[in-house]
């Protein structure tokens, strides 16, 4: 019996890329890996263009292609994670629809998997995208690695291959706010790496912006580090000590130079604004931790489906179990 490869492709407003990525993945699988069975799963995060129409046409013409349509946009982490747990293959390959994850690497991922690796990660060694953004990402990864108790993987976005045994781990975590990059680092420390140069998007505009990048950074900070709270404690302690020293100094000067010493209001105002701004910063940081905790405590579902195409009864049972 042939082993089965599942290829999971999340999408949002990718009407220019959907059909080309489907054809490219299908050709790669059928020409380079004919000894394997396969399925292609699209999960759409409530696209506003013709993406769903095109996916529906592909599903009607090719029963090896499946689709899940979400009732709304559930974000860049929940939707792909959920789709990975809906696959039926012996391994799952995840890649974006914009061709920034090279399709031609699929055989290399499968070859590493056949060597016994449960997880094979695609690592961006260089990128043809904005150099400044790539530099900022590099700095972020190095900082988070030093701060985290888990050795997070630099320039790993989720593009990779996952054995079904690892997918079973994902299904069992029951995390309403999953951060796949951290989960891989924590539960698959012996992963294999494949390095590649990230190309530019084939078509369309990127959906990443400052807010989505900030959201990803905060999720990793609040999920895998204690640095925010530790900084608040240390900074608060230092400023408290400095404030007490300053108060004692002014008191001594007042006692010695009772009539002549006039401290003025400037030092007081500077101190108030400085300490106030530090307090506001760490209150905001604390809020990020609380929001993450709140989302996990409420335990909302990862996604809510509007429709699924080309799924059988067995797959419906898997949906109910998740």
Protein backbone atom coordinates (compact mmCIF):
# COMPACT_ATOMS: atom_id res chain seq x y z
CA UNK A 1 0.00 0.00 0.00
CA UNK A 2 1.35 3.42 -0.98
CA UNK A 3 2.31 5.92 1.69
CA UNK A 4 0.24 9.08 1.53
CA UNK A 5 1.55 12.65 1.51
CA UNK A 6 -0.75 15.47 2.58
CA UNK A 7 0.04 18.98 1.38
CA UNK A 8 -1.70 21.69 3.41
CA UNK A 9 -1.95 25.18 1.92
CA UNK A 10 -3.53 28.02 3.94
CA UNK A 11 -4.83 30.93 1.92
CA UNK A 12 -6.40 34.35 2.22
CA UNK A 13 -7.11 36.50 -0.85
CA UNK A 14 -4.84 34.45 -3.13
CA UNK A 15 -6.93 34.34 -6.30
CA UNK A 16 -3.85 34.93 -8.48
CA UNK A 17 -1.92 32.08 -6.89
CA UNK A 18 -4.43 29.32 -6.09
CA UNK A 19 -4.55 27.55 -9.43
CA UNK A 20 -0.78 27.93 -10.13
CA UNK A 21 0.17 26.54 -6.69
CA UNK A 22 -2.24 23.63 -7.13
CA UNK A 23 -0.79 22.76 -10.55
CA UNK A 24 2.81 23.16 -9.33
CA UNK A 25 2.30 20.93 -6.27
CA UNK A 26 0.41 18.31 -8.27
CA UNK A 27 3.10 18.17 -10.96
CA UNK A 28 5.88 17.91 -8.35
CA UNK A 29 4.13 15.05 -6.57
CA UNK A 30 3.14 13.11 -9.68
CA UNK A 31 6.44 13.48 -11.55
CA UNK A 32 9.02 13.41 -8.73
CA UNK A 33 7.18 11.20 -6.21
CA UNK A 34 4.94 8.84 -8.20
CA UNK A 35 5.41 6.06 -5.63
CA UNK A 36 3.29 7.99 -3.11
CA UNK A 37 -0.42 8.67 -2.88
CA UNK A 38 -1.30 12.27 -2.02
CA UNK A 39 -3.95 14.79 -1.08
CA UNK A 40 -3.93 18.58 -1.24
CA UNK A 41 -5.85 20.49 1.42
CA UNK A 42 -6.68 24.18 1.13
CA UNK A 43 -8.01 26.08 4.14
CA UNK A 44 -9.43 29.49 3.34
CA UNK A 45 -9.52 32.18 6.03
CA UNK A 46 -12.61 33.97 4.67
CA UNK A 47 -11.11 35.42 1.50
CA UNK A 48 -12.83 38.45 0.03
CA UNK A 49 -11.78 37.86 -3.60
CA UNK A 50 -12.38 34.91 -5.96
CA UNK A 51 -10.17 32.49 -4.01
CA UNK A 52 -13.07 30.32 -2.83
CA UNK A 53 -14.64 30.17 -6.26
CA UNK A 54 -11.39 28.89 -7.74
CA UNK A 55 -10.86 26.37 -4.94
CA UNK A 56 -14.38 25.06 -5.45
CA UNK A 57 -13.70 24.60 -9.18
CA UNK A 58 -10.46 22.72 -8.44
CA UNK A 59 -12.23 20.44 -5.93
CA UNK A 60 -14.95 19.62 -8.44
CA UNK A 61 -12.37 18.64 -11.06
CA UNK A 62 -9.93 16.80 -8.76
CA UNK A 63 -11.15 14.66 -5.87
CA UNK A 64 -7.62 14.49 -4.41
CA UNK A 65 -8.06 18.16 -3.51
CA UNK A 66 -9.95 19.02 -0.33
CA UNK A 67 -10.98 22.34 1.11
CA UNK A 68 -12.12 23.89 4.38
CA UNK A 69 -13.84 27.28 4.36
CA UNK A 70 -13.79 29.20 7.66
CA UNK A 71 -16.71 31.38 8.76
CA UNK A 72 -14.27 34.24 9.42
CA UNK A 73 -10.57 35.02 9.48
CA UNK A 74 -9.13 33.16 12.48
CA UNK A 75 -5.61 34.49 12.08
CA UNK A 76 -2.27 33.30 10.78
CA UNK A 77 -1.71 30.62 13.45
CA UNK A 78 -5.02 28.92 14.23
CA UNK A 79 -6.16 28.22 10.70
CA UNK A 80 -3.05 26.35 9.43
CA UNK A 81 -2.72 24.44 12.71
CA UNK A 82 -6.34 23.30 12.49
CA UNK A 83 -5.94 22.22 8.88
CA UNK A 84 -2.85 20.16 9.69
CA UNK A 85 -4.94 18.22 12.19
CA UNK A 86 -7.55 17.49 9.49
CA UNK A 87 -5.15 15.76 7.11
CA UNK A 88 -5.08 11.98 6.56
CA UNK A 89 -1.58 11.40 5.19
CA UNK A 90 1.39 9.56 6.66
CA UNK A 91 3.10 12.95 6.63
CA UNK A 92 1.97 16.55 6.17
CA UNK A 93 3.75 19.21 4.13
CA UNK A 94 2.76 22.79 4.86
CA UNK A 95 3.43 25.68 2.50
CA UNK A 96 2.01 29.08 1.65
CA UNK A 97 0.05 29.75 -1.53
CA UNK A 98 2.23 32.67 -2.64
CA UNK A 99 5.22 30.53 -3.82
CA UNK A 100 7.55 31.95 -1.16
CA UNK A 101 7.88 28.36 0.05
CA UNK A 102 9.57 26.62 -2.92
CA UNK A 103 7.53 23.74 -4.31
CA UNK A 104 10.64 22.07 -5.74
CA UNK A 105 11.84 21.29 -2.20
CA UNK A 106 9.05 18.76 -1.64
CA UNK A 107 11.18 15.73 -2.71
CA UNK A 108 13.98 16.83 -0.37
CA UNK A 109 11.58 17.04 2.56
CA UNK A 110 10.22 13.58 1.79
CA UNK A 111 13.75 12.16 1.46
CA UNK A 112 14.66 13.46 4.94
CA UNK A 113 11.41 12.06 6.32
CA UNK A 114 12.22 8.63 4.88
CA UNK A 115 15.53 8.75 6.75
CA UNK A 116 13.54 8.71 9.97
CA UNK A 117 13.06 12.38 10.86
CA UNK A 118 9.64 13.12 12.34
CA UNK A 119 9.88 16.82 11.51
CA UNK A 120 11.79 18.52 8.69
CA UNK A 121 11.97 22.32 8.90
CA UNK A 122 12.46 24.73 6.02
CA UNK A 123 14.92 27.43 7.14
CA UNK A 124 15.33 30.70 5.26
CA UNK A 125 19.07 31.22 4.79
CA UNK A 126 18.46 34.36 2.71
CA UNK A 127 15.46 36.19 1.33
CA UNK A 128 14.66 38.24 -1.76
CA UNK A 129 12.12 40.20 0.25
CA UNK A 130 12.84 43.50 2.04
CA UNK A 131 16.39 43.30 3.47
CA UNK A 132 15.58 45.54 6.40
CA UNK A 133 12.63 43.35 7.42
CA UNK A 134 14.84 40.26 7.11
CA UNK A 135 17.43 41.95 9.34
CA UNK A 136 14.79 42.79 11.95
CA UNK A 137 13.55 39.19 11.87
CA UNK A 138 17.10 37.96 12.44
CA UNK A 139 17.49 40.21 15.46
CA UNK A 140 14.12 39.08 16.83
CA UNK A 141 14.98 35.38 16.48
CA UNK A 142 18.32 35.83 18.24
CA UNK A 143 16.74 37.76 21.10
CA UNK A 144 13.89 35.31 21.59
CA UNK A 145 16.29 32.35 21.52
CA UNK A 146 18.35 33.85 24.33
CA UNK A 147 15.27 34.67 26.40
CA UNK A 148 13.29 31.48 25.87
CA UNK A 149 13.53 28.26 27.86
CA UNK A 150 12.99 26.48 24.52
CA UNK A 151 15.57 26.82 21.74
CA UNK A 152 13.34 28.39 19.08
CA UNK A 153 14.35 27.88 15.45
CA UNK A 154 15.66 30.92 13.60
CA UNK A 155 13.93 31.86 10.32
CA UNK A 156 11.48 28.98 10.53
CA UNK A 157 7.95 30.04 9.57
CA UNK A 158 6.21 26.65 9.65
CA UNK A 159 7.17 25.57 6.12
CA UNK A 160 8.15 21.95 6.51
CA UNK A 161 7.15 18.31 6.78
CA UNK A 162 5.54 16.66 9.80
CA UNK A 163 5.13 12.94 10.39
CA UNK A 164 1.66 11.72 11.35
CA UNK A 165 2.99 10.84 14.83
CA UNK A 166 3.81 14.52 15.34
CA UNK A 167 0.39 15.52 13.96
CA UNK A 168 -1.13 13.27 16.65
CA UNK A 169 0.80 15.32 19.22
CA UNK A 170 -0.70 18.52 17.78
CA UNK A 171 -4.19 17.02 17.99
CA UNK A 172 -3.63 16.11 21.64
CA UNK A 173 -2.32 19.50 22.81
CA UNK A 174 -5.76 21.11 22.72
CA UNK A 175 -4.22 24.59 22.71
CA UNK A 176 -6.60 27.40 21.64
CA UNK A 177 -3.63 29.65 20.81
CA UNK A 178 -1.05 27.36 19.21
CA UNK A 179 2.35 28.76 18.21
CA UNK A 180 3.62 26.07 15.84
CA UNK A 181 7.22 27.30 15.71
CA UNK A 182 7.54 26.99 19.46
CA UNK A 183 5.73 23.65 19.56
CA UNK A 184 8.16 22.21 16.99
CA UNK A 185 11.15 23.46 18.97
CA UNK A 186 9.73 22.04 22.19
CA UNK A 187 8.47 18.63 21.02
CA UNK A 188 10.74 17.90 18.05
CA UNK A 189 14.23 19.03 19.11
CA UNK A 190 15.81 16.42 16.82
CA UNK A 191 14.26 17.93 13.68
CA UNK A 192 16.12 18.05 10.37
CA UNK A 193 16.70 21.35 8.55
CA UNK A 194 16.60 22.20 4.86
CA UNK A 195 17.95 25.65 3.97
CA UNK A 196 16.60 27.70 1.09
CA UNK A 197 16.49 31.20 -0.32
CA UNK A 198 13.04 32.69 0.08
CA UNK A 199 11.82 34.07 -3.27
CA UNK A 200 9.48 37.01 -3.73
CA UNK A 201 5.74 36.51 -3.89
CA UNK A 202 4.61 35.25 -7.28
CA UNK A 203 1.63 37.63 -7.35
CA UNK A 204 -0.55 39.70 -5.05
CA UNK A 205 0.34 41.62 -1.92
CA UNK A 206 1.58 40.24 1.35
CA UNK A 207 -0.98 40.12 4.15
CA UNK A 208 1.68 40.59 6.82
CA UNK A 209 1.86 44.05 8.31
CA UNK A 210 3.21 45.66 11.46
CA UNK A 211 0.25 44.41 13.50
CA UNK A 212 0.52 40.76 12.40
CA UNK A 213 4.28 40.77 12.98
CA UNK A 214 3.75 42.30 16.42
CA UNK A 215 1.07 39.71 17.17
CA UNK A 216 3.47 36.89 16.29
CA UNK A 217 6.24 38.40 18.39
CA UNK A 218 3.99 38.85 21.43
CA UNK A 219 2.60 35.32 21.15
CA UNK A 220 6.12 33.90 21.20
CA UNK A 221 7.16 36.16 24.10
CA UNK A 222 4.13 35.37 26.26
CA UNK A 223 4.12 31.64 25.42
CA UNK A 224 7.81 30.83 25.77
CA UNK A 225 9.50 33.49 27.90
CA UNK A 226 9.24 35.03 31.36
CA UNK A 227 11.44 37.95 30.38
CA UNK A 228 8.64 40.55 30.40
CA UNK A 229 7.71 39.94 34.02
CA UNK A 230 11.33 39.56 35.10
CA UNK A 231 12.23 42.89 33.47
CA UNK A 232 9.32 44.55 35.24
CA UNK A 233 10.49 43.20 38.61
CA UNK A 234 14.14 44.17 38.10
CA UNK A 235 13.39 47.58 36.61
CA UNK A 236 10.88 48.33 39.36
CA UNK A 237 13.43 47.37 41.99
CA UNK A 238 16.17 49.52 40.46
CA UNK A 239 13.94 52.59 40.11
CA UNK A 240 12.62 52.14 43.65
CA UNK A 241 16.19 52.09 44.96
CA UNK A 242 17.15 55.15 42.91
CA UNK A 243 14.04 56.99 44.10
CA UNK A 244 14.86 56.27 47.73
CA UNK A 245 18.46 57.40 47.23
CA UNK A 246 17.30 60.59 45.52
CA UNK A 247 14.80 61.29 48.30
CA UNK A 248 17.44 60.72 50.99
CA UNK A 249 19.90 62.99 49.15
CA UNK A 250 17.39 65.83 48.88
CA UNK A 251 16.47 65.42 52.55
CA UNK A 252 20.11 65.66 53.65
CA UNK A 253 20.72 68.70 51.44
CA UNK A 254 17.62 70.36 52.83
CA UNK A 255 18.74 69.80 56.40
CA UNK A 256 22.26 71.11 55.74
CA UNK A 257 21.34 74.04 53.51
CA UNK A 258 17.88 74.82 54.90
CA UNK A 259 17.67 78.40 53.64
CA UNK A 260 19.88 78.20 50.57
CA UNK A 261 19.00 74.85 48.96
CA UNK A 262 16.29 75.14 46.33
CA UNK A 263 15.90 71.96 44.35
CA UNK A 264 13.28 73.37 42.01
CA UNK A 265 10.54 71.44 40.23
CA UNK A 266 12.48 70.18 37.17
CA UNK A 267 14.07 67.07 38.75
CA UNK A 268 10.71 66.15 40.30
CA UNK A 269 8.87 66.44 36.97
CA UNK A 270 11.52 64.44 35.12
CA UNK A 271 11.34 61.70 37.73
CA UNK A 272 7.54 61.55 37.63
CA UNK A 273 7.39 61.32 33.84
CA UNK A 274 10.22 58.77 33.67
CA UNK A 275 8.79 56.45 36.30
CA UNK A 276 5.27 56.89 34.92
CA UNK A 277 6.33 55.93 31.40
CA UNK A 278 8.20 52.85 32.71
CA UNK A 279 5.09 51.83 34.65
CA UNK A 280 2.86 52.23 31.59
CA UNK A 281 5.25 50.17 29.46
CA UNK A 282 5.25 47.25 31.86
CA UNK A 283 1.51 47.47 32.50
CA UNK A 284 1.11 47.04 28.73
CA UNK A 285 3.53 44.12 28.75
CA UNK A 286 1.63 42.54 31.63
CA UNK A 287 -1.56 43.06 29.61
CA UNK A 288 -0.11 40.97 26.77
CA UNK A 289 0.44 38.07 29.15
CA UNK A 290 -3.06 38.47 30.58
CA UNK A 291 -4.66 38.54 27.12
CA UNK A 292 -2.84 35.33 26.18
CA UNK A 293 -3.94 33.70 29.43
CA UNK A 294 -7.50 34.92 28.89
CA UNK A 295 -7.68 33.41 25.40
CA UNK A 296 -6.41 30.08 26.69
CA UNK A 297 -8.78 30.07 29.66
CA UNK A 298 -11.85 30.85 27.55
CA UNK A 299 -10.84 28.00 25.22
CA UNK A 300 -12.66 29.08 22.11
CA UNK A 301 -12.37 26.66 19.15
CA UNK A 302 -9.37 27.03 16.86
CA UNK A 303 -11.67 27.75 13.92
CA UNK A 304 -15.33 27.37 13.04
CA UNK A 305 -15.97 25.85 9.63
CA UNK A 306 -18.49 27.18 7.18
CA UNK A 307 -18.06 24.38 4.66
CA UNK A 308 -15.73 21.52 3.71
CA UNK A 309 -15.31 19.93 0.30
CA UNK A 310 -14.32 16.36 -0.72
CA UNK A 311 -14.20 15.02 2.84
CA UNK A 312 -15.53 11.56 3.71
CA UNK A 313 -17.26 10.27 6.86
CA UNK A 314 -13.95 9.20 8.44
CA UNK A 315 -12.64 12.74 8.10
CA UNK A 316 -15.81 14.07 9.69
CA UNK A 317 -15.15 11.87 12.71
CA UNK A 318 -11.63 13.32 12.97
CA UNK A 319 -13.13 16.83 12.92
CA UNK A 320 -15.46 15.94 15.77
CA UNK A 321 -12.61 14.49 17.87
CA UNK A 322 -10.36 17.56 17.60
